[in-house]
Amino acid sequence: NIKPPQPPATPTVDEYQAQWLAELAQTDLKRSTKISYNFQLRKHVVPAFGNDRLDQLDYLRLKAWD
């Protein structure tokens, strides 16, 4: 009995942030902007949502964090 392939699990915010930061490093944004984004992500977003899967985040949840 052959099982169909499972889609990859949705990453957590913490898991995804490493990929996003690597992609950010390849952009032509100013160095200061990259540093600021990195800081904001690690200081605020990851502590608040790091263990949450990306598909668990929605407008109301993010608005409540505001």
PDB file of N, CA and C in Angstrom:
ATOM      1  N   ASN A   1       0.846  -1.182   0.000  1.00  0.00           N
ATOM      2  CA  ASN A   1       0.000   0.000   0.000  1.00  0.00           C
ATOM      3  C   ASN A   1       0.895   1.250   0.000  1.00  0.00           C
ATOM      4  N   ILE A   2       0.852   2.015  -1.047  1.00  0.00           N
ATOM      5  CA  ILE A   2       1.693   3.202  -1.185  1.00  0.00           C
ATOM      6  C   ILE A   2       0.928   4.429  -0.700  1.00  0.00           C
ATOM      7  N   LYS A   3       1.563   5.151   0.214  1.00  0.00           N
ATOM      8  CA  LYS A   3       0.947   6.366   0.738  1.00  0.00           C
ATOM      9  C   LYS A   3       1.370   7.550  -0.119  1.00  0.00           C
ATOM     10  N   PRO A   4       0.440   8.468  -0.361  1.00  0.00           N
ATOM     11  CA  PRO A   4       0.834   9.657  -1.120  1.00  0.00           C
ATOM     12  C   PRO A   4       1.802  10.503  -0.299  1.00  0.00           C
ATOM     13  N   PRO A   5       2.670  11.256  -0.956  1.00  0.00           N
ATOM     14  CA  PRO A   5       3.621  12.080  -0.198  1.00  0.00           C
ATOM     15  C   PRO A   5       2.896  13.134   0.630  1.00  0.00           C
ATOM     16  N   GLN A   6       3.407  13.336   1.803  1.00  0.00           N
ATOM     17  CA  GLN A   6       2.834  14.338   2.695  1.00  0.00           C
ATOM     18  C   GLN A   6       3.435  15.699   2.364  1.00  0.00           C
ATOM     19  N   PRO A   7       2.612  16.738   2.399  1.00  0.00           N
ATOM     20  CA  PRO A   7       3.198  18.070   2.194  1.00  0.00           C
ATOM     21  C   PRO A   7       4.117  18.398   3.366  1.00  0.00           C
ATOM     22  N   PRO A   8       5.120  19.202   3.135  1.00  0.00           N
ATOM     23  CA  PRO A   8       6.016  19.539   4.247  1.00  0.00           C
ATOM     24  C   PRO A   8       5.253  20.265   5.359  1.00  0.00           C
ATOM     25  N   ALA A   9       5.680  20.028   6.572  1.00  0.00           N
ATOM     26  CA  ALA A   9       5.054  20.692   7.719  1.00  0.00           C
ATOM     27  C   ALA A   9       5.296  22.196   7.626  1.00  0.00           C
ATOM     28  N   THR A  10       4.313  22.954   8.045  1.00  0.00           N
ATOM     29  CA  THR A  10       4.459  24.404   8.060  1.00  0.00           C
ATOM     30  C   THR A  10       5.456  24.779   9.144  1.00  0.00           C
ATOM     31  N   PRO A  11       6.466  25.582   8.806  1.00  0.00           N
ATOM     32  CA  PRO A  11       7.477  25.932   9.812  1.00  0.00           C
ATOM     33  C   PRO A  11       6.931  26.883  10.868  1.00  0.00           C
ATOM     34  N   THR A  12       7.607  26.876  12.002  1.00  0.00           N
ATOM     35  CA  THR A  12       7.302  27.869  13.027  1.00  0.00           C
ATOM     36  C   THR A  12       7.939  29.195  12.608  1.00  0.00           C
ATOM     37  N   VAL A  13       7.533  30.244  13.275  1.00  0.00           N
ATOM     38  CA  VAL A  13       8.127  31.556  13.016  1.00  0.00           C
ATOM     39  C   VAL A  13       9.632  31.484  13.248  1.00  0.00           C
ATOM     40  N   ASP A  14      10.040  30.824  14.320  1.00  0.00           N
ATOM     41  CA  ASP A  14      11.465  30.710  14.627  1.00  0.00           C
ATOM     42  C   ASP A  14      12.211  29.943  13.536  1.00  0.00           C
ATOM     43  N   GLU A  15      11.624  28.866  13.045  1.00  0.00           N
ATOM     44  CA  GLU A  15      12.267  28.093  11.986  1.00  0.00           C
ATOM     45  C   GLU A  15      12.363  28.915  10.697  1.00  0.00           C
ATOM     46  N   TYR A  16      11.334  29.648  10.380  1.00  0.00           N
ATOM     47  CA  TYR A  16      11.301  30.417   9.137  1.00  0.00           C
ATOM     48  C   TYR A  16      12.207  31.639   9.170  1.00  0.00           C
ATOM     49  N   GLN A  17      12.412  32.212  10.336  1.00  0.00           N
ATOM     50  CA  GLN A  17      13.170  33.458  10.415  1.00  0.00           C
ATOM     51  C   GLN A  17      14.595  33.300   9.907  1.00  0.00           C
ATOM     52  N   ALA A  18      15.203  32.152  10.094  1.00  0.00           N
ATOM     53  CA  ALA A  18      16.565  31.943   9.595  1.00  0.00           C
ATOM     54  C   ALA A  18      16.594  32.021   8.070  1.00  0.00           C
ATOM     55  N   GLN A  19      15.627  31.402   7.420  1.00  0.00           N
ATOM     56  CA  GLN A  19      15.531  31.450   5.961  1.00  0.00           C
ATOM     57  C   GLN A  19      15.267  32.879   5.498  1.00  0.00           C
ATOM     58  N   TRP A  20      14.366  33.554   6.162  1.00  0.00           N
ATOM     59  CA  TRP A  20      14.018  34.928   5.777  1.00  0.00           C
ATOM     60  C   TRP A  20      15.221  35.855   5.924  1.00  0.00           C
ATOM     61  N   LEU A  21      15.967  35.713   7.012  1.00  0.00           N
ATOM     62  CA  LEU A  21      17.143  36.556   7.212  1.00  0.00           C
ATOM     63  C   LEU A  21      18.210  36.268   6.154  1.00  0.00           C
ATOM     64  N   ALA A  22      18.349  35.013   5.750  1.00  0.00           N
ATOM     65  CA  ALA A  22      19.311  34.671   4.700  1.00  0.00           C
ATOM     66  C   ALA A  22      18.892  35.320   3.375  1.00  0.00           C
ATOM     67  N   GLU A  23      17.604  35.302   3.084  1.00  0.00           N
ATOM     68  CA  GLU A  23      17.111  35.949   1.867  1.00  0.00           C
ATOM     69  C   GLU A  23      17.265  37.468   1.963  1.00  0.00           C
ATOM     70  N   LEU A  24      17.012  38.012   3.132  1.00  0.00           N
ATOM     71  CA  LEU A  24      17.162  39.451   3.354  1.00  0.00           C
ATOM     72  C   LEU A  24      18.602  39.886   3.087  1.00  0.00           C
ATOM     73  N   ALA A  25      19.553  39.073   3.493  1.00  0.00           N
ATOM     74  CA  ALA A  25      20.967  39.403   3.307  1.00  0.00           C
ATOM     75  C   ALA A  25      21.327  39.548   1.832  1.00  0.00           C
ATOM     76  N   GLN A  26      20.569  38.896   0.958  1.00  0.00           N
ATOM     77  CA  GLN A  26      20.850  38.928  -0.473  1.00  0.00           C
ATOM     78  C   GLN A  26      20.203  40.120  -1.181  1.00  0.00           C
ATOM     79  N   THR A  27      19.419  40.911  -0.479  1.00  0.00           N
ATOM     80  CA  THR A  27      18.745  42.046  -1.102  1.00  0.00           C
ATOM     81  C   THR A  27      19.682  43.241  -1.183  1.00  0.00           C
ATOM     82  N   ASP A  28      19.234  44.266  -1.889  1.00  0.00           N
ATOM     83  CA  ASP A  28      20.039  45.479  -2.006  1.00  0.00           C
ATOM     84  C   ASP A  28      19.597  46.568  -1.017  1.00  0.00           C
ATOM     85  N   LEU A  29      18.904  46.150   0.030  1.00  0.00           N
ATOM     86  CA  LEU A  29      18.540  47.111   1.077  1.00  0.00           C
ATOM     87  C   LEU A  29      19.800  47.640   1.756  1.00  0.00           C
ATOM     88  N   LYS A  30      19.676  48.822   2.319  1.00  0.00           N
ATOM     89  CA  LYS A  30      20.817  49.378   3.044  1.00  0.00           C
ATOM     90  C   LYS A  30      21.160  48.485   4.236  1.00  0.00           C
ATOM     91  N   ARG A  31      22.438  48.468   4.569  1.00  0.00           N
ATOM     92  CA  ARG A  31      22.917  47.652   5.694  1.00  0.00           C
ATOM     93  C   ARG A  31      22.172  47.997   6.976  1.00  0.00           C
ATOM     94  N   SER A  32      21.928  49.282   7.217  1.00  0.00           N
ATOM     95  CA  SER A  32      21.230  49.705   8.433  1.00  0.00           C
ATOM     96  C   SER A  32      19.800  49.166   8.475  1.00  0.00           C
ATOM     97  N   THR A  33      19.152  49.073   7.322  1.00  0.00           N
ATOM     98  CA  THR A  33      17.794  48.518   7.265  1.00  0.00           C
ATOM     99  C   THR A  33      17.825  47.035   7.604  1.00  0.00           C
ATOM    100  N   LYS A  34      18.781  46.318   7.055  1.00  0.00           N
ATOM    101  CA  LYS A  34      18.907  44.881   7.348  1.00  0.00           C
ATOM    102  C   LYS A  34      19.159  44.649   8.829  1.00  0.00           C
ATOM    103  N   ILE A  35      20.008  45.474   9.413  1.00  0.00           N
ATOM    104  CA  ILE A  35      20.303  45.349  10.845  1.00  0.00           C
ATOM    105  C   ILE A  35      19.046  45.627  11.659  1.00  0.00           C
ATOM    106  N   SER A  36      18.300  46.641  11.276  1.00  0.00           N
ATOM    107  CA  SER A  36      17.068  46.986  11.986  1.00  0.00           C
ATOM    108  C   SER A  36      16.035  45.862  11.889  1.00  0.00           C
ATOM    109  N   TYR A  37      15.837  45.318  10.688  1.00  0.00           N
ATOM    110  CA  TYR A  37      14.879  44.222  10.511  1.00  0.00           C
ATOM    111  C   TYR A  37      15.290  43.018  11.356  1.00  0.00           C
ATOM    112  N   ASN A  38      16.565  42.694  11.340  1.00  0.00           N
ATOM    113  CA  ASN A  38      17.076  41.565  12.111  1.00  0.00           C
ATOM    114  C   ASN A  38      16.805  41.788  13.602  1.00  0.00           C
ATOM    115  N   PHE A  39      17.110  42.984  14.079  1.00  0.00           N
ATOM    116  CA  PHE A  39      16.904  43.305  15.491  1.00  0.00           C
ATOM    117  C   PHE A  39      15.426  43.200  15.862  1.00  0.00           C
ATOM    118  N   GLN A  40      14.557  43.824  15.074  1.00  0.00           N
ATOM    119  CA  GLN A  40      13.120  43.810  15.374  1.00  0.00           C
ATOM    120  C   GLN A  40      12.573  42.386  15.387  1.00  0.00           C
ATOM    121  N   LEU A  41      13.014  41.586  14.445  1.00  0.00           N
ATOM    122  CA  LEU A  41      12.567  40.203  14.373  1.00  0.00           C
ATOM    123  C   LEU A  41      12.973  39.431  15.621  1.00  0.00           C
ATOM    124  N   ARG A  42      14.243  39.517  15.978  1.00  0.00           N
ATOM    125  CA  ARG A  42      14.752  38.748  17.129  1.00  0.00           C
ATOM    126  C   ARG A  42      14.285  39.302  18.472  1.00  0.00           C
ATOM    127  N   LYS A  43      14.130  40.606  18.567  1.00  0.00           N
ATOM    128  CA  LYS A  43      13.751  41.247  19.830  1.00  0.00           C
ATOM    129  C   LYS A  43      12.251  41.146  20.104  1.00  0.00           C
ATOM    130  N   HIS A  44      11.428  41.244  19.066  1.00  0.00           N
ATOM    131  CA  HIS A  44       9.986  41.344  19.270  1.00  0.00           C
ATOM    132  C   HIS A  44       9.178  40.180  18.691  1.00  0.00           C
ATOM    133  N   VAL A  45       9.407  39.850  17.425  1.00  0.00           N
ATOM    134  CA  VAL A  45       8.561  38.868  16.750  1.00  0.00           C
ATOM    135  C   VAL A  45       8.826  37.451  17.241  1.00  0.00           C
ATOM    136  N   VAL A  46      10.084  37.034  17.255  1.00  0.00           N
ATOM    137  CA  VAL A  46      10.394  35.661  17.667  1.00  0.00           C
ATOM    138  C   VAL A  46      10.003  35.400  19.128  1.00  0.00           C
ATOM    139  N   PRO A  47      10.282  36.305  20.069  1.00  0.00           N
ATOM    140  CA  PRO A  47       9.827  36.026  21.432  1.00  0.00           C
ATOM    141  C   PRO A  47       8.299  35.899  21.552  1.00  0.00           C
ATOM    142  N   ALA A  48       7.567  36.667  20.765  1.00  0.00           N
ATOM    143  CA  ALA A  48       6.108  36.624  20.845  1.00  0.00           C
ATOM    144  C   ALA A  48       5.502  35.448  20.091  1.00  0.00           C
ATOM    145  N   PHE A  49       6.079  35.097  18.936  1.00  0.00           N
ATOM    146  CA  PHE A  49       5.450  34.112  18.059  1.00  0.00           C
ATOM    147  C   PHE A  49       6.375  32.982  17.616  1.00  0.00           C
ATOM    148  N   GLY A  50       7.569  32.906  18.152  1.00  0.00           N
ATOM    149  CA  GLY A  50       8.564  31.955  17.681  1.00  0.00           C
ATOM    150  C   GLY A  50       8.123  30.508  17.623  1.00  0.00           C
ATOM    151  N   ASN A  51       7.323  30.060  18.567  1.00  0.00           N
ATOM    152  CA  ASN A  51       6.885  28.661  18.600  1.00  0.00           C
ATOM    153  C   ASN A  51       5.630  28.406  17.782  1.00  0.00           C
ATOM    154  N   ASP A  52       5.031  29.457  17.228  1.00  0.00           N
ATOM    155  CA  ASP A  52       3.796  29.317  16.453  1.00  0.00           C
ATOM    156  C   ASP A  52       4.108  29.000  14.996  1.00  0.00           C
ATOM    157  N   ARG A  53       3.334  28.086  14.431  1.00  0.00           N
ATOM    158  CA  ARG A  53       3.473  27.808  13.001  1.00  0.00           C
ATOM    159  C   ARG A  53       2.936  28.997  12.211  1.00  0.00           C
ATOM    160  N   LEU A  54       3.524  29.233  11.058  1.00  0.00           N
ATOM    161  CA  LEU A  54       3.109  30.365  10.239  1.00  0.00           C
ATOM    162  C   LEU A  54       1.624  30.319   9.891  1.00  0.00           C
ATOM    163  N   ASP A  55       1.095  29.121   9.704  1.00  0.00           N
ATOM    164  CA  ASP A  55      -0.325  29.017   9.356  1.00  0.00           C
ATOM    165  C   ASP A  55      -1.255  29.242  10.546  1.00  0.00           C
ATOM    166  N   GLN A  56      -0.705  29.437  11.734  1.00  0.00           N
ATOM    167  CA  GLN A  56      -1.523  29.735  12.914  1.00  0.00           C
ATOM    168  C   GLN A  56      -1.701  31.234  13.122  1.00  0.00           C
ATOM    169  N   LEU A  57      -0.910  32.023  12.431  1.00  0.00           N
ATOM    170  CA  LEU A  57      -0.998  33.473  12.602  1.00  0.00           C
ATOM    171  C   LEU A  57      -2.111  34.023  11.736  1.00  0.00           C
ATOM    172  N   ASP A  58      -2.886  34.907  12.292  1.00  0.00           N
ATOM    173  CA  ASP A  58      -3.933  35.559  11.521  1.00  0.00           C
ATOM    174  C   ASP A  58      -4.060  37.013  11.970  1.00  0.00           C
ATOM    175  N   TYR A  59      -4.873  37.746  11.284  1.00  0.00           N
ATOM    176  CA  TYR A  59      -5.006  39.174  11.532  1.00  0.00           C
ATOM    177  C   TYR A  59      -5.374  39.471  12.988  1.00  0.00           C
ATOM    178  N   LEU A  60      -6.357  38.800  13.518  1.00  0.00           N
ATOM    179  CA  LEU A  60      -6.816  39.086  14.884  1.00  0.00           C
ATOM    180  C   LEU A  60      -5.722  38.829  15.913  1.00  0.00           C
ATOM    181  N   ARG A  61      -4.992  37.760  15.717  1.00  0.00           N
ATOM    182  CA  ARG A  61      -3.904  37.433  16.654  1.00  0.00           C
ATOM    183  C   ARG A  61      -2.798  38.492  16.601  1.00  0.00           C
ATOM    184  N   LEU A  62      -2.443  38.895  15.390  1.00  0.00           N
ATOM    185  CA  LEU A  62      -1.420  39.909  15.242  1.00  0.00           C
ATOM    186  C   LEU A  62      -1.912  41.258  15.740  1.00  0.00           C
ATOM    187  N   LYS A  63      -3.160  41.574  15.507  1.00  0.00           N
ATOM    188  CA  LYS A  63      -3.737  42.837  15.972  1.00  0.00           C
ATOM    189  C   LYS A  63      -3.750  42.880  17.497  1.00  0.00           C
ATOM    190  N   ALA A  64      -4.039  41.768  18.141  1.00  0.00           N
ATOM    191  CA  ALA A  64      -4.052  41.719  19.602  1.00  0.00           C
ATOM    192  C   ALA A  64      -2.662  41.954  20.170  1.00  0.00           C
ATOM    193  N   TRP A  65      -1.640  41.588  19.427  1.00  0.00           N
ATOM    194  CA  TRP A  65      -0.246  41.775  19.853  1.00  0.00           C
ATOM    195  C   TRP A  65       0.137  43.228  19.763  1.00  0.00           C
ATOM    196  N   ASP A  66      -0.484  43.953  18.881  1.00  0.00           N
ATOM    197  CA  ASP A  66      -0.213  45.368  18.630  1.00  0.00           C
ATOM    198  C   ASP A  66      -0.119  46.095  19.899  1.00  0.00           C
TER     199      ASP A  66
END
